[in-house]
């Protein structure tokens, strides 16, 4: 079908979350018509990567977490503590401050002896935050 070629083109050349709006109103219609959407679901179209200064970049944990968020996508920038909890935010921000200061100053003694001590035996991981935009389809779904 022609629609499968169009979806394939979008996946190949416009594989960004900005293309998701094309499918919000039509997703259930495409499913009802039996169109193969597996490549669409495996693409980056329904994934939004969060890159805000307010969200910590490094963390001591290296596990995948799935956390619920029911607020507006426009308010998520200031919602780290709401999503992950205040304690996690404080630990992650302290770690990030220490790593940045150490990198800027080249002062490893600060890292070992300062008030924001970091255990050098632990690994530090870069954190990537993504939002799944697929649930937005449900607000347009008509059964």
N, C-alpha and C. Protein backbone atom coordinates (compact mmCIF):
# COMPACT_ATOMS: atom_id res chain seq x y z
N UNK A 1 0.83 -1.19 0.00
CA UNK A 1 0.00 0.00 0.00
C UNK A 1 0.88 1.25 0.00
N UNK A 2 0.34 2.30 -0.53
CA UNK A 2 1.08 3.56 -0.63
C UNK A 2 1.40 4.13 0.75
N UNK A 3 0.50 3.96 1.69
CA UNK A 3 0.71 4.52 3.02
C UNK A 3 1.94 3.90 3.70
N UNK A 4 2.21 2.62 3.43
CA UNK A 4 3.39 1.99 4.00
C UNK A 4 4.68 2.59 3.44
N UNK A 5 4.65 2.99 2.15
CA UNK A 5 5.81 3.65 1.56
C UNK A 5 6.01 5.05 2.16
N UNK A 6 4.92 5.73 2.43
CA UNK A 6 4.99 7.06 3.04
C UNK A 6 5.55 6.95 4.45
N UNK A 7 5.05 5.98 5.21
CA UNK A 7 5.56 5.78 6.57
C UNK A 7 7.04 5.41 6.53
N UNK A 8 7.42 4.55 5.59
CA UNK A 8 8.83 4.18 5.43
C UNK A 8 9.70 5.37 5.11
N UNK A 9 9.20 6.28 4.27
CA UNK A 9 9.95 7.49 3.93
C UNK A 9 10.12 8.37 5.17
N UNK A 10 9.05 8.54 5.93
CA UNK A 10 9.11 9.36 7.15
C UNK A 10 10.11 8.77 8.14
N UNK A 11 10.09 7.45 8.29
CA UNK A 11 11.02 6.79 9.21
C UNK A 11 12.47 6.98 8.74
N UNK A 12 12.70 6.88 7.45
CA UNK A 12 14.06 6.98 6.92
C UNK A 12 14.61 8.41 6.94
N UNK A 13 13.79 9.38 6.57
CA UNK A 13 14.30 10.74 6.39
C UNK A 13 13.83 11.75 7.45
N UNK A 14 12.82 11.42 8.23
CA UNK A 14 12.31 12.34 9.24
C UNK A 14 12.13 11.60 10.57
N UNK A 15 13.11 10.85 10.96
CA UNK A 15 13.04 10.00 12.14
C UNK A 15 13.30 10.81 13.42
N UNK A 16 12.45 11.78 13.68
CA UNK A 16 12.55 12.64 14.86
C UNK A 16 11.19 12.74 15.53
N UNK A 17 11.21 13.12 16.79
CA UNK A 17 9.95 13.23 17.53
C UNK A 17 9.03 14.33 16.98
N UNK A 18 9.57 15.23 16.19
CA UNK A 18 8.72 16.29 15.62
C UNK A 18 7.76 15.74 14.58
N UNK A 19 8.02 14.54 14.09
CA UNK A 19 7.11 13.92 13.12
C UNK A 19 5.98 13.16 13.79
N UNK A 20 6.00 13.04 15.11
CA UNK A 20 4.97 12.27 15.82
C UNK A 20 3.57 12.85 15.63
N UNK A 21 3.48 14.16 15.50
CA UNK A 21 2.16 14.78 15.36
C UNK A 21 1.42 14.28 14.11
N UNK A 22 2.16 13.79 13.13
CA UNK A 22 1.52 13.26 11.92
C UNK A 22 0.68 12.01 12.21
N UNK A 23 1.00 11.33 13.31
CA UNK A 23 0.37 10.05 13.59
C UNK A 23 -0.60 10.07 14.76
N UNK A 24 -0.63 11.14 15.53
CA UNK A 24 -1.49 11.15 16.72
C UNK A 24 -2.95 10.87 16.38
N UNK A 25 -3.50 11.56 15.41
CA UNK A 25 -4.92 11.40 15.06
C UNK A 25 -5.18 10.19 14.18
N UNK A 26 -4.16 9.73 13.48
CA UNK A 26 -4.35 8.67 12.49
C UNK A 26 -3.87 7.29 12.93
N UNK A 27 -3.23 7.19 14.07
CA UNK A 27 -2.61 5.94 14.47
C UNK A 27 -3.62 4.80 14.58
N UNK A 28 -4.73 5.04 15.25
CA UNK A 28 -5.72 3.96 15.41
C UNK A 28 -6.36 3.61 14.07
N UNK A 29 -6.52 4.59 13.19
CA UNK A 29 -7.07 4.30 11.86
C UNK A 29 -6.12 3.41 11.06
N UNK A 30 -4.82 3.69 11.17
CA UNK A 30 -3.83 2.87 10.49
C UNK A 30 -3.83 1.44 11.03
N UNK A 31 -3.97 1.30 12.34
CA UNK A 31 -4.03 -0.03 12.94
C UNK A 31 -5.27 -0.79 12.48
N UNK A 32 -6.41 -0.09 12.46
CA UNK A 32 -7.67 -0.73 12.04
C UNK A 32 -7.63 -1.19 10.58
N UNK A 33 -6.83 -0.50 9.76
CA UNK A 33 -6.72 -0.88 8.35
C UNK A 33 -5.71 -2.01 8.14
N UNK A 34 -5.05 -2.44 9.21
CA UNK A 34 -4.11 -3.55 9.12
C UNK A 34 -2.76 -3.18 8.56
N UNK A 35 -2.39 -1.92 8.63
CA UNK A 35 -1.10 -1.47 8.12
C UNK A 35 -0.01 -1.83 9.13
N UNK A 36 1.10 -2.35 8.63
CA UNK A 36 2.20 -2.76 9.48
C UNK A 36 2.88 -1.52 10.08
N UNK A 37 2.83 -1.39 11.41
CA UNK A 37 3.39 -0.23 12.08
C UNK A 37 4.60 -0.58 12.94
N UNK A 38 5.11 -1.79 12.80
CA UNK A 38 6.22 -2.22 13.66
C UNK A 38 7.47 -1.34 13.46
N UNK A 39 7.78 -0.98 12.22
CA UNK A 39 8.94 -0.11 11.98
C UNK A 39 8.72 1.29 12.56
N UNK A 40 7.50 1.76 12.51
CA UNK A 40 7.18 3.07 13.09
C UNK A 40 7.37 3.04 14.61
N UNK A 41 6.91 1.98 15.24
CA UNK A 41 7.05 1.88 16.69
C UNK A 41 8.50 1.67 17.12
N UNK A 42 9.32 1.08 16.26
CA UNK A 42 10.73 0.86 16.58
C UNK A 42 11.59 2.08 16.26
N UNK A 43 11.03 3.08 15.62
CA UNK A 43 11.79 4.28 15.24
C UNK A 43 11.87 5.25 16.41
N UNK A 44 12.50 6.40 16.16
CA UNK A 44 12.63 7.44 17.18
C UNK A 44 11.50 8.46 17.13
N UNK A 45 10.50 8.21 16.34
CA UNK A 45 9.44 9.19 16.14
C UNK A 45 8.63 9.44 17.41
N UNK A 46 8.39 8.41 18.20
CA UNK A 46 7.60 8.58 19.41
C UNK A 46 8.47 8.73 20.66
N UNK A 47 9.76 9.02 20.49
CA UNK A 47 10.68 9.21 21.61
C UNK A 47 11.22 10.63 21.60
N UNK A 48 11.17 11.25 22.75
CA UNK A 48 11.66 12.62 22.91
C UNK A 48 12.77 12.58 23.96
N UNK A 49 13.98 12.95 23.56
CA UNK A 49 15.10 12.96 24.50
C UNK A 49 15.15 14.30 25.22
N UNK A 50 15.19 14.23 26.54
CA UNK A 50 15.22 15.43 27.37
C UNK A 50 16.66 15.86 27.57
N UNK A 51 16.95 17.11 27.24
CA UNK A 51 18.27 17.68 27.45
C UNK A 51 18.09 19.05 28.08
N UNK A 52 17.83 19.05 29.37
CA UNK A 52 17.64 20.31 30.10
C UNK A 52 18.74 20.46 31.14
N UNK A 53 19.18 21.67 31.35
CA UNK A 53 20.22 21.93 32.35
C UNK A 53 19.75 21.58 33.75
N UNK A 54 18.45 21.63 33.98
CA UNK A 54 17.91 21.35 35.31
C UNK A 54 17.96 19.86 35.65
N UNK A 55 18.17 19.01 34.66
CA UNK A 55 18.20 17.56 34.87
C UNK A 55 19.66 17.11 34.95
N UNK A 56 20.03 16.36 35.99
CA UNK A 56 21.43 15.91 36.15
C UNK A 56 21.89 15.06 34.97
N UNK A 57 23.16 15.22 34.61
CA UNK A 57 23.72 14.50 33.48
C UNK A 57 24.37 13.19 33.89
N UNK A 58 24.86 13.13 35.12
CA UNK A 58 25.57 11.94 35.59
C UNK A 58 24.84 11.33 36.78
N UNK A 59 25.02 10.02 36.94
CA UNK A 59 24.37 9.33 38.05
C UNK A 59 25.22 8.13 38.43
N UNK A 60 25.08 7.68 39.66
CA UNK A 60 25.81 6.50 40.11
C UNK A 60 25.10 5.20 39.76
N UNK A 61 23.84 5.28 39.40
CA UNK A 61 23.06 4.10 39.06
C UNK A 61 23.09 3.88 37.54
N UNK A 62 23.19 2.64 37.13
CA UNK A 62 23.19 2.32 35.71
C UNK A 62 22.05 1.36 35.39
N UNK A 63 20.86 1.71 35.79
CA UNK A 63 19.71 0.86 35.53
C UNK A 63 18.67 1.65 34.76
N UNK A 64 17.92 0.93 33.94
CA UNK A 64 16.83 1.56 33.20
C UNK A 64 15.64 1.72 34.12
N UNK A 65 15.09 2.90 34.16
CA UNK A 65 13.90 3.17 34.97
C UNK A 65 12.78 3.63 34.07
N UNK A 66 11.59 3.19 34.38
CA UNK A 66 10.40 3.69 33.70
C UNK A 66 9.57 4.38 34.76
N UNK A 67 9.44 5.68 34.62
CA UNK A 67 8.73 6.48 35.63
C UNK A 67 7.52 7.15 34.98
N UNK A 68 6.40 7.19 35.69
CA UNK A 68 5.21 7.85 35.12
C UNK A 68 5.31 9.37 35.24
N UNK A 69 4.75 10.03 34.26
CA UNK A 69 4.64 11.50 34.29
C UNK A 69 3.35 11.86 33.57
N UNK A 70 2.46 12.51 34.28
CA UNK A 70 1.16 12.86 33.71
C UNK A 70 0.99 14.36 33.46
N UNK A 71 2.03 15.12 33.68
CA UNK A 71 1.94 16.56 33.46
C UNK A 71 2.14 16.92 32.00
N UNK A 72 2.15 18.20 31.75
CA UNK A 72 2.35 18.71 30.40
C UNK A 72 3.79 18.49 29.96
N UNK A 73 3.98 18.18 28.70
CA UNK A 73 5.32 18.00 28.15
C UNK A 73 6.12 19.31 28.25
N UNK A 74 5.41 20.44 28.31
CA UNK A 74 6.07 21.73 28.40
C UNK A 74 6.54 22.05 29.82
N UNK A 75 5.98 21.35 30.82
CA UNK A 75 6.36 21.57 32.21
C UNK A 75 7.40 20.57 32.72
N UNK A 76 7.77 19.63 31.89
CA UNK A 76 8.67 18.57 32.35
C UNK A 76 10.06 19.10 32.68
N UNK A 77 10.44 20.20 32.09
CA UNK A 77 11.76 20.80 32.34
C UNK A 77 12.03 21.00 33.83
N UNK A 78 11.02 21.41 34.59
CA UNK A 78 11.19 21.71 36.01
C UNK A 78 10.62 20.60 36.90
N UNK A 79 10.44 19.41 36.38
CA UNK A 79 9.74 18.35 37.12
C UNK A 79 10.62 17.17 37.49
N UNK A 80 11.94 17.33 37.53
CA UNK A 80 12.80 16.20 37.86
C UNK A 80 12.45 15.63 39.24
N UNK A 81 12.33 16.50 40.24
CA UNK A 81 12.03 16.04 41.60
C UNK A 81 10.66 15.38 41.67
N UNK A 82 9.72 15.87 40.88
CA UNK A 82 8.38 15.29 40.85
C UNK A 82 8.41 13.88 40.26
N UNK A 83 9.25 13.65 39.28
CA UNK A 83 9.32 12.35 38.62
C UNK A 83 10.17 11.36 39.41
N UNK A 84 11.35 11.77 39.88
CA UNK A 84 12.29 10.85 40.50
C UNK A 84 12.39 10.99 42.02
N UNK A 85 11.82 12.02 42.58
CA UNK A 85 11.88 12.22 44.03
C UNK A 85 12.94 13.23 44.42
N UNK A 86 12.71 13.91 45.53
CA UNK A 86 13.60 14.97 46.01
C UNK A 86 14.96 14.43 46.44
N UNK A 87 15.00 13.25 47.08
CA UNK A 87 16.27 12.68 47.54
C UNK A 87 17.19 12.35 46.38
N UNK A 88 16.64 11.74 45.34
CA UNK A 88 17.43 11.40 44.16
C UNK A 88 17.96 12.66 43.50
N UNK A 89 17.14 13.69 43.45
CA UNK A 89 17.56 14.95 42.83
C UNK A 89 18.75 15.53 43.58
N UNK A 90 18.68 15.54 44.91
CA UNK A 90 19.77 16.11 45.71
C UNK A 90 21.06 15.32 45.50
N UNK A 91 21.00 13.97 45.54
CA UNK A 91 22.20 13.14 45.35
C UNK A 91 22.79 13.36 43.96
N UNK A 92 21.93 13.38 42.94
CA UNK A 92 22.41 13.53 41.57
C UNK A 92 23.01 14.91 41.34
N UNK A 93 22.40 15.94 41.89
CA UNK A 93 22.92 17.30 41.71
C UNK A 93 24.25 17.46 42.43
N UNK A 94 24.38 16.90 43.66
CA UNK A 94 25.65 16.97 44.38
C UNK A 94 26.76 16.28 43.59
N UNK A 95 26.46 15.13 43.03
CA UNK A 95 27.44 14.40 42.23
C UNK A 95 27.85 15.23 41.01
N UNK A 96 26.88 15.81 40.33
CA UNK A 96 27.18 16.60 39.13
C UNK A 96 28.00 17.83 39.46
N UNK A 97 27.68 18.52 40.55
CA UNK A 97 28.44 19.70 40.96
C UNK A 97 29.89 19.32 41.24
N UNK A 98 30.08 18.23 41.98
CA UNK A 98 31.43 17.79 42.33
C UNK A 98 32.23 17.43 41.08
N UNK A 99 31.63 16.70 40.17
CA UNK A 99 32.33 16.31 38.95
C UNK A 99 32.69 17.51 38.10
N UNK A 100 31.78 18.47 37.99
CA UNK A 100 32.04 19.67 37.18
C UNK A 100 33.14 20.51 37.82
N UNK A 101 33.06 20.72 39.14
CA UNK A 101 34.10 21.50 39.82
C UNK A 101 35.46 20.84 39.68
N UNK A 102 35.50 19.54 39.84
CA UNK A 102 36.75 18.81 39.73
C UNK A 102 37.32 18.93 38.33
N UNK A 103 36.46 18.83 37.33
CA UNK A 103 36.91 18.93 35.95
C UNK A 103 37.42 20.34 35.65
N UNK A 104 36.71 21.36 36.11
CA UNK A 104 37.10 22.74 35.84
C UNK A 104 38.39 23.12 36.55
N UNK A 105 38.51 22.69 37.80
CA UNK A 105 39.66 23.10 38.59
C UNK A 105 40.81 22.11 38.50
N UNK A 106 40.53 20.91 38.02
CA UNK A 106 41.56 19.89 38.00
C UNK A 106 42.00 19.52 39.41
N UNK A 107 41.13 19.73 40.38
CA UNK A 107 41.47 19.55 41.78
C UNK A 107 40.85 18.26 42.30
N UNK A 108 41.61 17.18 42.27
CA UNK A 108 41.07 15.89 42.71
C UNK A 108 41.01 15.79 44.22
N UNK A 109 41.80 16.61 44.94
CA UNK A 109 41.71 16.59 46.40
C UNK A 109 40.33 17.06 46.84
N UNK A 110 39.77 18.03 46.15
CA UNK A 110 38.41 18.51 46.45
C UNK A 110 37.42 17.37 46.30
N UNK A 111 37.64 16.55 45.30
CA UNK A 111 36.74 15.44 45.05
C UNK A 111 36.85 14.40 46.17
N UNK A 112 38.06 14.22 46.70
CA UNK A 112 38.27 13.22 47.73
C UNK A 112 37.95 13.72 49.14
N UNK A 113 38.23 14.98 49.40
CA UNK A 113 38.13 15.49 50.76
C UNK A 113 37.04 16.52 50.97
N UNK A 114 36.47 17.04 49.91
CA UNK A 114 35.49 18.12 50.02
C UNK A 114 34.18 17.66 50.63
N UNK A 115 33.27 18.61 50.79
CA UNK A 115 31.98 18.28 51.43
C UNK A 115 31.11 17.38 50.56
N UNK A 116 31.30 17.42 49.26
CA UNK A 116 30.54 16.55 48.35
C UNK A 116 31.43 15.39 47.90
N UNK A 117 31.79 14.53 48.83
CA UNK A 117 32.71 13.43 48.54
C UNK A 117 32.14 12.47 47.51
N UNK A 118 33.00 12.00 46.63
CA UNK A 118 32.64 11.00 45.63
C UNK A 118 33.55 9.79 45.84
N UNK A 119 32.97 8.64 45.97
CA UNK A 119 33.73 7.41 46.12
C UNK A 119 34.30 7.03 44.75
N UNK A 120 35.63 7.05 44.63
CA UNK A 120 36.26 6.78 43.35
C UNK A 120 36.15 5.32 42.93
N UNK A 121 35.73 4.45 43.84
CA UNK A 121 35.56 3.04 43.50
C UNK A 121 34.25 2.80 42.76
N UNK A 122 33.38 3.77 42.78
CA UNK A 122 32.11 3.64 42.07
C UNK A 122 32.22 4.24 40.67
N UNK A 123 31.52 3.63 39.74
CA UNK A 123 31.48 4.17 38.39
C UNK A 123 30.42 5.27 38.33
N UNK A 124 30.67 6.23 37.48
CA UNK A 124 29.72 7.30 37.22
C UNK A 124 29.21 7.11 35.80
N UNK A 125 27.89 7.17 35.63
CA UNK A 125 27.28 6.90 34.34
C UNK A 125 26.60 8.13 33.78
N UNK A 126 26.70 8.31 32.48
CA UNK A 126 25.97 9.38 31.80
C UNK A 126 24.51 8.96 31.69
N UNK A 127 23.64 9.87 32.01
CA UNK A 127 22.21 9.56 32.03
C UNK A 127 21.52 10.17 30.82
N UNK A 128 20.67 9.38 30.19
CA UNK A 128 19.87 9.84 29.06
C UNK A 128 18.41 9.70 29.45
N UNK A 129 17.67 10.77 29.33
CA UNK A 129 16.25 10.77 29.66
C UNK A 129 15.43 10.83 28.38
N UNK A 130 14.49 9.92 28.23
CA UNK A 130 13.61 9.96 27.07
C UNK A 130 12.16 9.87 27.52
N UNK A 131 11.31 10.53 26.78
CA UNK A 131 9.87 10.50 27.03
C UNK A 131 9.22 9.75 25.88
N UNK A 132 8.37 8.80 26.21
CA UNK A 132 7.62 8.05 25.20
C UNK A 132 6.37 8.86 24.86
N UNK A 133 6.26 9.30 23.62
CA UNK A 133 5.13 10.13 23.19
C UNK A 133 3.92 9.30 22.75
N UNK A 134 4.06 7.99 22.68
CA UNK A 134 2.99 7.14 22.19
C UNK A 134 1.69 7.25 23.00
N UNK A 135 1.74 7.42 24.33
CA UNK A 135 0.47 7.57 25.07
C UNK A 135 -0.37 8.76 24.63
N UNK A 136 0.22 9.73 23.97
CA UNK A 136 -0.56 10.87 23.47
C UNK A 136 -1.56 10.46 22.42
N UNK A 137 -1.31 9.32 21.77
CA UNK A 137 -2.24 8.81 20.76
C UNK A 137 -3.60 8.55 21.38
N UNK A 138 -3.62 8.10 22.63
CA UNK A 138 -4.89 7.73 23.28
C UNK A 138 -5.84 8.92 23.42
N UNK A 139 -5.32 10.14 23.48
CA UNK A 139 -6.22 11.29 23.59
C UNK A 139 -6.95 11.57 22.28
N UNK A 140 -6.48 11.00 21.19
CA UNK A 140 -7.14 11.17 19.90
C UNK A 140 -7.89 9.91 19.45
N UNK A 141 -7.72 8.82 20.20
CA UNK A 141 -8.28 7.54 19.77
C UNK A 141 -9.80 7.55 19.84
N UNK A 142 -10.39 7.08 18.78
CA UNK A 142 -11.85 6.90 18.70
C UNK A 142 -12.10 5.44 18.36
N UNK A 143 -12.75 4.77 19.26
CA UNK A 143 -12.98 3.33 19.03
C UNK A 143 -14.28 3.09 18.32
